[in-house]
N, C-alpha and C. Protein backbone atom coordinates (compact mmCIF):
# COMPACT_ATOMS: atom_id res chain seq x y z
N MET A 1 61.73 -23.64 119.25
CA MET A 1 60.67 -23.06 120.07
C MET A 1 59.98 -22.00 119.24
N SER A 2 58.62 -22.03 119.25
CA SER A 2 57.87 -21.15 118.36
C SER A 2 57.91 -19.71 118.85
N LYS A 3 57.82 -18.74 117.92
CA LYS A 3 57.67 -17.32 118.25
C LYS A 3 56.38 -17.10 119.02
N TYR A 4 55.39 -17.90 118.85
CA TYR A 4 54.14 -17.72 119.57
C TYR A 4 54.38 -17.89 121.03
N PHE A 5 55.24 -18.90 121.42
CA PHE A 5 55.50 -19.13 122.86
C PHE A 5 56.18 -17.90 123.43
N PHE A 6 57.24 -17.41 122.68
CA PHE A 6 57.94 -16.25 123.26
C PHE A 6 57.03 -15.00 123.31
N ALA A 7 56.21 -14.82 122.33
CA ALA A 7 55.27 -13.68 122.35
C ALA A 7 54.35 -13.79 123.46
N SER A 8 53.92 -15.00 123.81
CA SER A 8 52.95 -15.22 124.91
C SER A 8 53.55 -14.81 126.24
N LEU A 9 54.87 -14.84 126.34
CA LEU A 9 55.50 -14.48 127.59
C LEU A 9 55.32 -12.97 127.88
N LEU A 10 55.05 -12.19 126.87
CA LEU A 10 54.89 -10.73 127.01
C LEU A 10 53.44 -10.35 126.96
N THR A 11 52.55 -11.30 126.88
CA THR A 11 51.12 -10.95 126.84
C THR A 11 50.42 -11.58 127.98
N ALA A 12 49.34 -12.29 127.70
CA ALA A 12 48.46 -12.82 128.76
C ALA A 12 49.16 -13.82 129.67
N SER A 13 50.16 -14.57 129.14
CA SER A 13 50.78 -15.58 129.92
C SER A 13 52.12 -15.20 130.50
N LEU A 14 52.41 -13.93 130.41
CA LEU A 14 53.80 -13.49 130.78
C LEU A 14 53.82 -13.26 132.32
N VAL A 15 54.07 -14.28 133.10
CA VAL A 15 54.18 -14.17 134.53
C VAL A 15 55.31 -15.14 134.97
N PHE A 16 56.15 -14.62 135.86
CA PHE A 16 57.24 -15.45 136.40
C PHE A 16 57.07 -15.58 137.89
N CYS A 17 57.99 -16.26 138.57
CA CYS A 17 57.95 -16.53 140.01
C CYS A 17 59.22 -16.18 140.68
N ALA A 18 59.21 -15.25 141.66
CA ALA A 18 60.48 -14.94 142.37
C ALA A 18 60.22 -14.52 143.78
N HIS A 19 61.20 -14.67 144.66
CA HIS A 19 61.07 -14.14 146.01
C HIS A 19 61.02 -12.63 145.97
N PRO A 20 60.16 -12.00 146.74
CA PRO A 20 60.06 -10.55 146.62
C PRO A 20 61.26 -9.72 146.78
N SER A 21 62.31 -10.23 147.43
CA SER A 21 63.52 -9.43 147.62
C SER A 21 64.66 -9.85 146.65
N ARG A 22 64.40 -10.77 145.75
CA ARG A 22 65.38 -11.23 144.80
C ARG A 22 64.70 -11.37 143.40
N ALA A 23 65.36 -10.85 142.37
CA ALA A 23 64.71 -10.82 141.08
C ALA A 23 64.50 -12.17 140.49
N LEU A 24 65.42 -13.12 140.62
CA LEU A 24 65.41 -14.34 139.85
C LEU A 24 65.26 -15.62 140.71
N THR A 25 65.07 -15.48 141.95
CA THR A 25 64.87 -16.70 142.80
C THR A 25 63.39 -16.96 143.04
N LYS A 26 63.09 -18.18 143.35
CA LYS A 26 61.70 -18.61 143.44
C LYS A 26 61.03 -17.95 144.62
N MET A 27 59.85 -17.37 144.38
CA MET A 27 59.08 -16.75 145.39
C MET A 27 58.00 -17.67 145.98
N ASP A 28 57.68 -17.44 147.31
CA ASP A 28 56.67 -18.28 147.88
C ASP A 28 55.29 -17.63 147.67
N ASP A 29 54.32 -18.24 148.29
CA ASP A 29 52.93 -17.74 148.16
C ASP A 29 52.76 -16.31 148.54
N SER A 30 53.46 -15.91 149.67
CA SER A 30 53.35 -14.52 150.13
C SER A 30 53.99 -13.53 149.12
N GLY A 31 55.01 -13.95 148.43
CA GLY A 31 55.63 -13.14 147.40
C GLY A 31 54.66 -12.86 146.25
N ILE A 32 53.96 -13.95 145.80
CA ILE A 32 52.98 -13.79 144.80
C ILE A 32 51.86 -12.84 145.15
N LYS A 33 51.42 -12.94 146.40
CA LYS A 33 50.32 -12.11 146.85
C LYS A 33 50.80 -10.68 146.98
N ASP A 34 52.10 -10.49 147.38
CA ASP A 34 52.62 -9.11 147.42
C ASP A 34 52.69 -8.48 146.06
N ALA A 35 53.09 -9.29 145.07
CA ALA A 35 53.20 -8.66 143.70
C ALA A 35 51.82 -8.34 143.16
N LEU A 36 50.91 -9.23 143.45
CA LEU A 36 49.51 -8.96 142.99
C LEU A 36 48.98 -7.70 143.68
N GLN A 37 49.23 -7.47 144.91
CA GLN A 37 48.78 -6.28 145.61
C GLN A 37 49.41 -4.99 145.02
N TYR A 38 50.69 -5.10 144.74
CA TYR A 38 51.51 -4.06 144.16
C TYR A 38 50.78 -3.66 142.79
N GLY A 39 50.44 -4.59 142.03
CA GLY A 39 49.78 -4.31 140.72
C GLY A 39 48.42 -3.66 140.86
N LYS A 40 47.75 -4.06 141.90
CA LYS A 40 46.41 -3.45 142.15
C LYS A 40 46.45 -2.03 142.59
N THR A 41 47.60 -1.62 143.17
CA THR A 41 47.70 -0.27 143.74
C THR A 41 48.57 0.63 142.85
N HIS A 42 49.06 0.20 141.73
CA HIS A 42 49.88 0.96 140.88
C HIS A 42 49.40 0.79 139.39
N THR A 43 49.56 1.85 138.59
CA THR A 43 49.11 1.72 137.22
C THR A 43 50.15 1.08 136.36
N LEU A 44 49.73 0.68 135.17
CA LEU A 44 50.70 0.10 134.19
C LEU A 44 51.90 0.98 133.96
N LYS A 45 51.58 2.27 133.74
CA LYS A 45 52.62 3.22 133.45
C LYS A 45 53.60 3.34 134.63
N GLU A 46 53.09 3.41 135.82
CA GLU A 46 53.98 3.52 137.01
C GLU A 46 54.87 2.34 137.14
N ILE A 47 54.39 1.18 136.92
CA ILE A 47 55.18 -0.02 137.02
C ILE A 47 56.26 -0.10 135.85
N ALA A 48 55.77 0.17 134.66
CA ALA A 48 56.70 0.06 133.48
C ALA A 48 57.79 1.10 133.59
N ASN A 49 57.59 2.27 134.17
CA ASN A 49 58.53 3.32 134.22
C ASN A 49 59.27 3.42 135.55
N SER A 50 59.01 2.45 136.42
CA SER A 50 59.69 2.51 137.74
C SER A 50 61.18 2.28 137.59
N PRO A 51 62.00 3.13 138.25
CA PRO A 51 63.45 3.01 138.14
C PRO A 51 63.95 1.70 138.78
N GLU A 52 63.08 1.01 139.49
CA GLU A 52 63.51 -0.30 139.99
C GLU A 52 63.79 -1.31 138.89
N TRP A 53 63.00 -1.18 137.83
CA TRP A 53 63.13 -2.11 136.65
C TRP A 53 63.52 -1.48 135.37
N THR A 54 63.39 -0.20 135.23
CA THR A 54 63.70 0.50 133.98
C THR A 54 64.83 1.49 134.18
N ILE A 55 65.80 1.40 133.23
CA ILE A 55 66.95 2.35 133.24
C ILE A 55 66.89 3.17 132.00
N LYS A 56 66.83 4.50 132.16
CA LYS A 56 66.72 5.42 131.05
C LYS A 56 68.14 5.73 130.44
N GLY A 57 68.18 5.76 129.10
CA GLY A 57 69.36 6.13 128.42
C GLY A 57 69.45 7.67 128.15
N SER A 58 70.61 8.07 127.83
CA SER A 58 70.84 9.56 127.58
C SER A 58 70.15 10.03 126.36
N ASP A 59 69.79 9.14 125.38
CA ASP A 59 69.27 9.57 124.11
C ASP A 59 67.75 9.26 123.98
N GLY A 60 67.12 9.11 125.11
CA GLY A 60 65.66 8.80 125.11
C GLY A 60 65.36 7.34 125.05
N THR A 61 66.36 6.49 124.89
CA THR A 61 66.07 5.04 124.90
C THR A 61 66.07 4.49 126.34
N ASP A 62 65.73 3.29 126.46
CA ASP A 62 65.69 2.71 127.85
C ASP A 62 65.85 1.16 127.71
N ALA A 63 66.04 0.58 128.92
CA ALA A 63 66.04 -0.91 128.98
C ALA A 63 65.21 -1.27 130.18
N TYR A 64 64.43 -2.33 130.06
CA TYR A 64 63.51 -2.73 131.12
C TYR A 64 63.80 -4.25 131.36
N LEU A 65 64.19 -4.59 132.58
CA LEU A 65 64.44 -5.95 132.99
C LEU A 65 63.15 -6.51 133.61
N MET A 66 62.58 -7.49 133.01
CA MET A 66 61.24 -7.98 133.34
C MET A 66 61.40 -9.08 134.47
N THR A 67 61.46 -8.70 135.66
CA THR A 67 61.58 -9.66 136.76
C THR A 67 60.23 -10.35 136.94
N PRO A 68 60.25 -11.51 137.59
CA PRO A 68 58.99 -12.19 137.93
C PRO A 68 58.01 -11.32 138.68
N TYR A 69 58.56 -10.57 139.67
CA TYR A 69 57.66 -9.73 140.49
C TYR A 69 57.02 -8.61 139.65
N SER A 70 57.81 -7.97 138.83
CA SER A 70 57.21 -6.90 138.03
C SER A 70 56.20 -7.36 137.03
N LEU A 71 56.43 -8.56 136.50
CA LEU A 71 55.50 -9.16 135.54
C LEU A 71 54.15 -9.48 136.13
N VAL A 72 54.24 -10.07 137.35
CA VAL A 72 52.99 -10.34 138.05
C VAL A 72 52.28 -9.02 138.36
N ALA A 73 53.00 -8.02 138.75
CA ALA A 73 52.44 -6.75 139.08
C ALA A 73 51.80 -6.09 137.79
N LEU A 74 52.51 -6.16 136.71
CA LEU A 74 51.96 -5.68 135.43
C LEU A 74 50.67 -6.36 135.07
N LYS A 75 50.66 -7.64 135.19
CA LYS A 75 49.45 -8.41 134.79
C LYS A 75 48.27 -8.04 135.70
N ALA A 76 48.56 -7.86 136.98
CA ALA A 76 47.49 -7.48 137.96
C ALA A 76 46.98 -6.13 137.59
N ALA A 77 47.87 -5.20 137.27
CA ALA A 77 47.48 -3.82 136.94
C ALA A 77 46.66 -3.78 135.68
N LYS A 78 47.04 -4.62 134.70
CA LYS A 78 46.28 -4.76 133.45
C LYS A 78 44.90 -5.26 133.69
N ALA A 79 44.81 -6.30 134.56
CA ALA A 79 43.53 -6.90 134.85
C ALA A 79 42.59 -5.81 135.58
N LYS A 80 43.23 -5.03 136.46
CA LYS A 80 42.43 -3.97 137.11
C LYS A 80 41.97 -2.99 136.08
N TYR A 81 42.80 -2.55 135.13
CA TYR A 81 42.45 -1.61 134.14
C TYR A 81 41.22 -2.15 133.25
N ASP A 82 41.25 -3.49 133.03
CA ASP A 82 40.20 -4.17 132.21
C ASP A 82 38.96 -4.40 133.08
N GLY A 83 39.00 -4.05 134.37
CA GLY A 83 37.82 -4.30 135.15
C GLY A 83 37.66 -5.72 135.71
N VAL A 84 38.74 -6.49 135.67
CA VAL A 84 38.72 -7.83 136.23
C VAL A 84 39.80 -7.96 137.26
N GLU A 85 39.87 -9.17 137.87
CA GLU A 85 40.88 -9.33 138.91
C GLU A 85 41.69 -10.59 138.57
N LEU A 86 43.03 -10.50 138.63
CA LEU A 86 43.92 -11.64 138.45
C LEU A 86 43.98 -12.37 139.79
N SER A 87 43.67 -13.64 139.78
CA SER A 87 43.61 -14.39 141.01
C SER A 87 44.92 -15.07 141.32
N PHE A 88 45.11 -15.38 142.52
CA PHE A 88 46.29 -16.17 142.95
C PHE A 88 46.39 -17.53 142.24
N GLU A 89 45.25 -18.13 142.13
CA GLU A 89 45.22 -19.47 141.42
C GLU A 89 45.61 -19.36 139.96
N GLU A 90 45.21 -18.23 139.27
CA GLU A 90 45.60 -18.08 137.88
C GLU A 90 47.13 -17.95 137.75
N VAL A 91 47.69 -17.18 138.64
CA VAL A 91 49.19 -17.01 138.63
C VAL A 91 49.83 -18.41 138.82
N LYS A 92 49.44 -19.09 139.82
CA LYS A 92 50.01 -20.44 140.06
C LYS A 92 49.87 -21.36 138.89
N ASN A 93 48.74 -21.26 138.22
CA ASN A 93 48.51 -22.08 137.05
C ASN A 93 49.45 -21.74 135.89
N ILE A 94 49.66 -20.42 135.69
CA ILE A 94 50.51 -19.96 134.59
C ILE A 94 51.96 -20.47 134.78
N LEU A 95 52.37 -20.62 136.04
CA LEU A 95 53.76 -20.96 136.34
C LEU A 95 54.07 -22.40 135.86
N THR A 96 53.06 -23.24 135.56
CA THR A 96 53.31 -24.56 135.10
C THR A 96 53.56 -24.67 133.58
N THR A 97 53.39 -23.59 132.89
CA THR A 97 53.45 -23.57 131.43
C THR A 97 54.86 -24.03 130.99
N LYS A 98 54.86 -24.98 130.02
CA LYS A 98 56.15 -25.40 129.41
C LYS A 98 55.93 -25.73 127.97
N GLU A 99 56.93 -25.56 127.12
CA GLU A 99 56.88 -25.98 125.76
C GLU A 99 58.27 -26.51 125.41
N LYS A 100 58.24 -27.80 124.98
CA LYS A 100 59.44 -28.51 124.59
C LYS A 100 60.49 -28.49 125.81
N GLY A 101 59.90 -28.64 126.98
CA GLY A 101 60.81 -28.68 128.18
C GLY A 101 61.20 -27.37 128.76
N ILE A 102 60.85 -26.30 128.11
CA ILE A 102 61.23 -24.95 128.59
C ILE A 102 60.02 -24.19 129.05
N GLY A 103 60.03 -23.76 130.31
CA GLY A 103 58.93 -23.00 130.87
C GLY A 103 59.26 -21.52 131.04
N ILE A 104 58.32 -20.74 131.47
CA ILE A 104 58.55 -19.33 131.67
C ILE A 104 59.53 -19.03 132.77
N LEU A 105 59.68 -20.00 133.65
CA LEU A 105 60.61 -19.79 134.77
C LEU A 105 62.06 -19.99 134.29
N ASP A 106 62.23 -20.51 133.08
CA ASP A 106 63.56 -20.76 132.57
C ASP A 106 64.19 -19.57 131.76
N LEU A 107 63.37 -18.52 131.63
CA LEU A 107 63.83 -17.42 130.73
C LEU A 107 63.83 -16.07 131.50
N LEU A 108 64.78 -15.25 131.10
CA LEU A 108 64.84 -13.84 131.57
C LEU A 108 64.63 -12.91 130.40
N PRO A 109 63.50 -12.26 130.33
CA PRO A 109 63.29 -11.33 129.24
C PRO A 109 63.70 -9.90 129.59
N LEU A 110 64.30 -9.24 128.61
CA LEU A 110 64.59 -7.80 128.74
C LEU A 110 64.00 -7.12 127.50
N SER A 111 63.60 -5.90 127.77
CA SER A 111 63.07 -5.03 126.58
C SER A 111 64.03 -3.82 126.51
N CYS A 112 64.50 -3.55 125.26
CA CYS A 112 65.44 -2.47 125.07
C CYS A 112 65.08 -1.71 123.82
N SER A 113 65.01 -0.36 123.92
CA SER A 113 64.68 0.47 122.78
C SER A 113 65.98 1.06 122.16
N VAL A 114 65.99 1.14 120.87
CA VAL A 114 67.15 1.69 120.08
C VAL A 114 66.58 2.63 119.02
N CYS A 115 67.49 3.47 118.57
CA CYS A 115 67.08 4.40 117.46
C CYS A 115 68.24 4.57 116.48
N GLY A 116 67.90 4.99 115.27
CA GLY A 116 68.89 5.15 114.23
C GLY A 116 68.35 5.88 113.01
N PRO A 117 69.22 6.20 112.04
CA PRO A 117 68.79 6.97 110.85
C PRO A 117 67.94 6.22 109.86
N THR A 118 68.08 4.91 109.80
CA THR A 118 67.24 4.14 108.80
C THR A 118 66.73 2.84 109.49
N ILE A 119 65.76 2.29 108.79
CA ILE A 119 65.18 0.99 109.33
C ILE A 119 66.23 -0.05 109.29
N ASP A 120 67.04 -0.16 108.17
CA ASP A 120 68.07 -1.18 108.03
C ASP A 120 69.07 -1.00 109.18
N TYR A 121 69.37 0.19 109.57
CA TYR A 121 70.36 0.41 110.67
C TYR A 121 69.88 -0.24 111.93
N LEU A 122 68.59 -0.24 112.18
CA LEU A 122 68.09 -0.82 113.40
C LEU A 122 68.17 -2.30 113.48
N LYS A 123 68.29 -2.90 112.27
CA LYS A 123 68.41 -4.39 112.19
C LYS A 123 69.69 -4.94 112.67
N ASP A 124 70.74 -4.12 112.74
CA ASP A 124 72.11 -4.54 112.95
C ASP A 124 72.64 -4.35 114.37
N PHE A 125 71.74 -4.07 115.35
CA PHE A 125 72.16 -3.93 116.73
C PHE A 125 72.46 -5.32 117.27
N ARG A 126 73.44 -5.39 118.19
CA ARG A 126 73.74 -6.61 118.87
C ARG A 126 73.62 -6.42 120.41
N PHE A 127 73.36 -7.51 121.09
CA PHE A 127 73.07 -7.43 122.51
C PHE A 127 73.80 -8.54 123.26
N GLU A 128 74.21 -8.27 124.50
CA GLU A 128 74.80 -9.31 125.31
C GLU A 128 74.73 -8.86 126.79
N LEU A 129 74.67 -9.87 127.67
CA LEU A 129 74.70 -9.68 129.09
C LEU A 129 76.09 -9.93 129.55
N CYS A 130 76.67 -9.12 130.44
CA CYS A 130 77.98 -9.34 131.03
C CYS A 130 77.78 -9.51 132.55
N GLN A 131 78.31 -10.58 133.10
CA GLN A 131 78.17 -10.81 134.55
C GLN A 131 79.35 -11.68 134.95
N ASN A 132 80.05 -11.28 136.00
CA ASN A 132 81.22 -12.05 136.54
C ASN A 132 82.24 -12.47 135.47
N GLY A 133 82.43 -11.52 134.52
CA GLY A 133 83.43 -11.82 133.49
C GLY A 133 82.90 -12.64 132.32
N ASN A 134 81.64 -13.12 132.46
CA ASN A 134 81.00 -13.95 131.40
C ASN A 134 80.18 -13.13 130.50
N ILE A 135 80.08 -13.56 129.21
CA ILE A 135 79.23 -12.96 128.24
C ILE A 135 78.16 -13.87 127.88
N ILE A 136 76.87 -13.45 128.02
CA ILE A 136 75.73 -14.26 127.81
C ILE A 136 74.94 -13.69 126.58
N LYS A 137 74.74 -14.49 125.57
CA LYS A 137 73.97 -14.04 124.38
C LYS A 137 72.53 -14.46 124.56
N PRO A 138 71.64 -13.67 123.94
CA PRO A 138 70.22 -13.95 123.97
C PRO A 138 69.95 -15.22 123.10
N ILE A 139 69.01 -16.03 123.51
CA ILE A 139 68.61 -17.18 122.70
C ILE A 139 67.55 -16.84 121.65
N GLU A 140 66.94 -15.67 121.86
CA GLU A 140 65.91 -15.20 120.95
C GLU A 140 65.83 -13.70 121.01
N ALA A 141 65.55 -13.08 119.91
CA ALA A 141 65.38 -11.59 119.87
C ALA A 141 64.34 -11.29 118.91
N GLU A 142 63.38 -10.48 119.25
CA GLU A 142 62.28 -9.99 118.42
C GLU A 142 62.27 -8.48 118.44
N THR A 143 61.81 -7.89 117.31
CA THR A 143 61.67 -6.41 117.26
C THR A 143 60.27 -6.01 116.91
N ASP A 144 59.93 -4.84 117.46
CA ASP A 144 58.61 -4.26 117.08
C ASP A 144 58.79 -3.51 115.76
N LYS A 145 57.72 -3.17 115.10
CA LYS A 145 57.78 -2.41 113.84
C LYS A 145 58.38 -1.05 114.12
N PRO A 146 59.39 -0.68 113.32
CA PRO A 146 60.02 0.64 113.54
C PRO A 146 59.03 1.82 113.34
N VAL A 147 59.27 2.86 114.14
CA VAL A 147 58.44 4.04 114.16
C VAL A 147 59.29 5.25 113.77
N LEU A 148 58.81 6.06 112.84
CA LEU A 148 59.50 7.27 112.47
C LEU A 148 59.21 8.34 113.46
N SER A 149 60.25 9.02 114.04
CA SER A 149 60.07 10.09 114.98
C SER A 149 60.92 11.23 114.63
N GLU A 150 60.86 12.31 115.46
CA GLU A 150 61.60 13.50 115.15
C GLU A 150 61.94 14.26 116.46
N LYS A 151 63.15 14.73 116.51
CA LYS A 151 63.59 15.53 117.64
C LYS A 151 64.55 16.63 117.15
N ASP A 152 64.28 17.87 117.53
CA ASP A 152 65.12 19.05 117.09
C ASP A 152 65.19 19.06 115.57
N HIS A 153 64.09 18.77 114.91
CA HIS A 153 63.96 18.85 113.46
C HIS A 153 64.79 17.77 112.75
N ILE A 154 65.22 16.71 113.54
CA ILE A 154 65.98 15.61 112.95
C ILE A 154 65.08 14.36 112.99
N GLN A 155 64.90 13.71 111.91
CA GLN A 155 64.13 12.54 111.84
C GLN A 155 64.94 11.29 112.12
N PHE A 156 64.39 10.31 112.79
CA PHE A 156 65.09 9.04 113.07
C PHE A 156 64.05 7.93 113.28
N TYR A 157 64.50 6.66 113.21
CA TYR A 157 63.63 5.59 113.42
C TYR A 157 63.87 4.97 114.82
N PHE A 158 62.82 4.42 115.38
CA PHE A 158 62.86 3.94 116.75
C PHE A 158 62.20 2.59 116.78
N THR A 159 62.80 1.66 117.52
CA THR A 159 62.16 0.36 117.67
C THR A 159 62.49 -0.25 119.00
N ASN A 160 61.78 -1.31 119.39
CA ASN A 160 62.02 -1.91 120.70
C ASN A 160 62.36 -3.37 120.44
N TYR A 161 63.46 -3.90 121.06
CA TYR A 161 63.90 -5.25 120.96
C TYR A 161 63.36 -5.94 122.25
N LYS A 162 62.86 -7.17 122.02
CA LYS A 162 62.53 -8.03 123.12
C LYS A 162 63.55 -9.22 123.11
N LEU A 163 64.31 -9.31 124.18
CA LEU A 163 65.44 -10.21 124.30
C LEU A 163 65.15 -11.30 125.30
N TYR A 164 65.56 -12.55 125.04
CA TYR A 164 65.29 -13.68 125.93
C TYR A 164 66.58 -14.36 126.28
N PHE A 165 66.90 -14.53 127.50
CA PHE A 165 68.10 -15.18 127.99
C PHE A 165 67.74 -16.37 128.88
N THR A 166 68.53 -17.43 128.86
CA THR A 166 68.26 -18.51 129.75
C THR A 166 68.63 -18.18 131.14
N ILE A 167 67.76 -18.39 132.07
CA ILE A 167 67.99 -17.98 133.45
C ILE A 167 69.06 -18.75 134.13
N HIS A 168 69.33 -19.95 133.60
CA HIS A 168 70.32 -20.82 134.24
C HIS A 168 71.76 -20.32 134.05
N ASP A 169 71.93 -19.36 133.13
CA ASP A 169 73.22 -18.78 132.90
C ASP A 169 73.52 -17.56 133.80
N ILE A 170 72.56 -17.21 134.65
CA ILE A 170 72.65 -15.93 135.38
C ILE A 170 72.66 -16.17 136.89
N ASP A 171 73.52 -15.42 137.56
CA ASP A 171 73.63 -15.42 139.03
C ASP A 171 72.64 -14.35 139.55
N ALA A 172 71.62 -14.87 140.28
CA ALA A 172 70.53 -13.94 140.75
C ALA A 172 71.03 -13.02 141.86
N GLU A 173 72.17 -13.16 142.37
CA GLU A 173 72.66 -12.38 143.48
C GLU A 173 73.66 -11.29 143.05
N THR A 174 74.07 -11.33 141.78
CA THR A 174 75.16 -10.47 141.30
C THR A 174 74.64 -9.47 140.25
N PRO A 175 75.12 -8.25 140.31
CA PRO A 175 74.76 -7.28 139.24
C PRO A 175 75.14 -7.78 137.86
N LEU A 176 74.38 -7.33 136.89
CA LEU A 176 74.74 -7.68 135.49
C LEU A 176 74.55 -6.41 134.63
N THR A 177 75.12 -6.48 133.46
CA THR A 177 75.14 -5.36 132.53
C THR A 177 74.56 -5.78 131.22
N LEU A 178 73.58 -5.12 130.73
CA LEU A 178 73.20 -5.29 129.37
C LEU A 178 73.94 -4.38 128.44
N VAL A 179 74.67 -4.89 127.53
CA VAL A 179 75.43 -4.14 126.58
C VAL A 179 74.77 -4.12 125.21
N VAL A 180 74.47 -2.88 124.79
CA VAL A 180 73.82 -2.69 123.47
C VAL A 180 74.92 -2.17 122.53
N ILE A 181 75.13 -2.88 121.44
CA ILE A 181 76.19 -2.51 120.51
C ILE A 181 75.56 -2.08 119.19
N SER A 182 75.81 -0.82 118.78
CA SER A 182 75.21 -0.28 117.56
C SER A 182 76.02 -0.80 116.33
N PRO A 183 75.47 -0.61 115.13
CA PRO A 183 76.13 -1.05 113.95
C PRO A 183 77.45 -0.37 113.78
N LYS A 184 77.68 0.82 114.41
CA LYS A 184 78.98 1.54 114.33
C LYS A 184 79.97 1.02 115.42
N GLY A 185 79.53 0.11 116.25
CA GLY A 185 80.41 -0.40 117.29
C GLY A 185 80.30 0.36 118.60
N GLU A 186 79.43 1.36 118.64
CA GLU A 186 79.27 2.13 119.90
C GLU A 186 78.47 1.31 120.87
N GLU A 187 78.90 1.35 122.14
CA GLU A 187 78.23 0.61 123.19
C GLU A 187 77.52 1.46 124.18
N THR A 188 76.28 0.97 124.57
CA THR A 188 75.49 1.59 125.64
C THR A 188 75.36 0.54 126.70
N HIS A 189 75.61 0.87 127.96
CA HIS A 189 75.56 -0.08 129.07
C HIS A 189 74.40 0.27 130.02
N TYR A 190 73.64 -0.74 130.31
CA TYR A 190 72.63 -0.65 131.33
C TYR A 190 72.90 -1.58 132.46
N GLU A 191 73.07 -1.01 133.70
CA GLU A 191 73.46 -1.76 134.89
C GLU A 191 72.25 -2.18 135.72
N PHE A 192 72.14 -3.47 136.00
CA PHE A 192 71.02 -3.96 136.79
C PHE A 192 71.56 -4.61 138.03
N ASP A 193 71.12 -4.24 139.20
CA ASP A 193 71.55 -4.85 140.48
C ASP A 193 70.55 -5.88 140.90
N LEU A 194 70.73 -7.09 140.39
CA LEU A 194 69.72 -8.14 140.59
C LEU A 194 69.41 -8.39 142.09
N GLY A 195 70.43 -8.34 142.89
CA GLY A 195 70.30 -8.68 144.26
C GLY A 195 69.39 -7.73 145.03
N ASN A 196 69.15 -6.56 144.51
CA ASN A 196 68.34 -5.55 145.20
C ASN A 196 67.05 -5.25 144.43
N MET A 197 66.70 -6.14 143.47
CA MET A 197 65.45 -5.92 142.73
C MET A 197 64.42 -6.95 143.12
N ARG A 198 63.18 -6.46 143.11
CA ARG A 198 62.08 -7.38 143.37
C ARG A 198 61.70 -8.15 142.09
């Protein structure tokens, strides 16, 4: 599967489908309309930083679980910012996208930021989802270009990982944990309660 396809999931074609009260189950027409309305009445920043989908880490990092609902809302908010409107028909059309038998409804994307002392250090992070005693590995991982930052006169590098998991490995009703493992073996856990997420 091409990187272009995965990248498209996070840009103009990044829209999923879910019931408004469940993060990973199929949503009906009213659910799509609800997500579109949410996007029209909230800014991109408000949606991206909402505690419903984003968990903040103690060191300034965070993890964002991109549910179908939040992605529709983000796309609607972006359209509003650009002075256009995302239509119901456009969303329905996007949902049919497939490449080599895999469509956007088959993937669960997460975004996770990490930091470290060198660029090479950032390359050696590992990620896994834990749910019901099972460990799920991402099928694809991409990173943004590292950025040099500074806090308390200490310089460090920062980057963002985009992780893709197959949705068929995940129970939509059960909480799951994203485990971020640093090159030193230190673990950071992000807990997501799927059953209570839109």
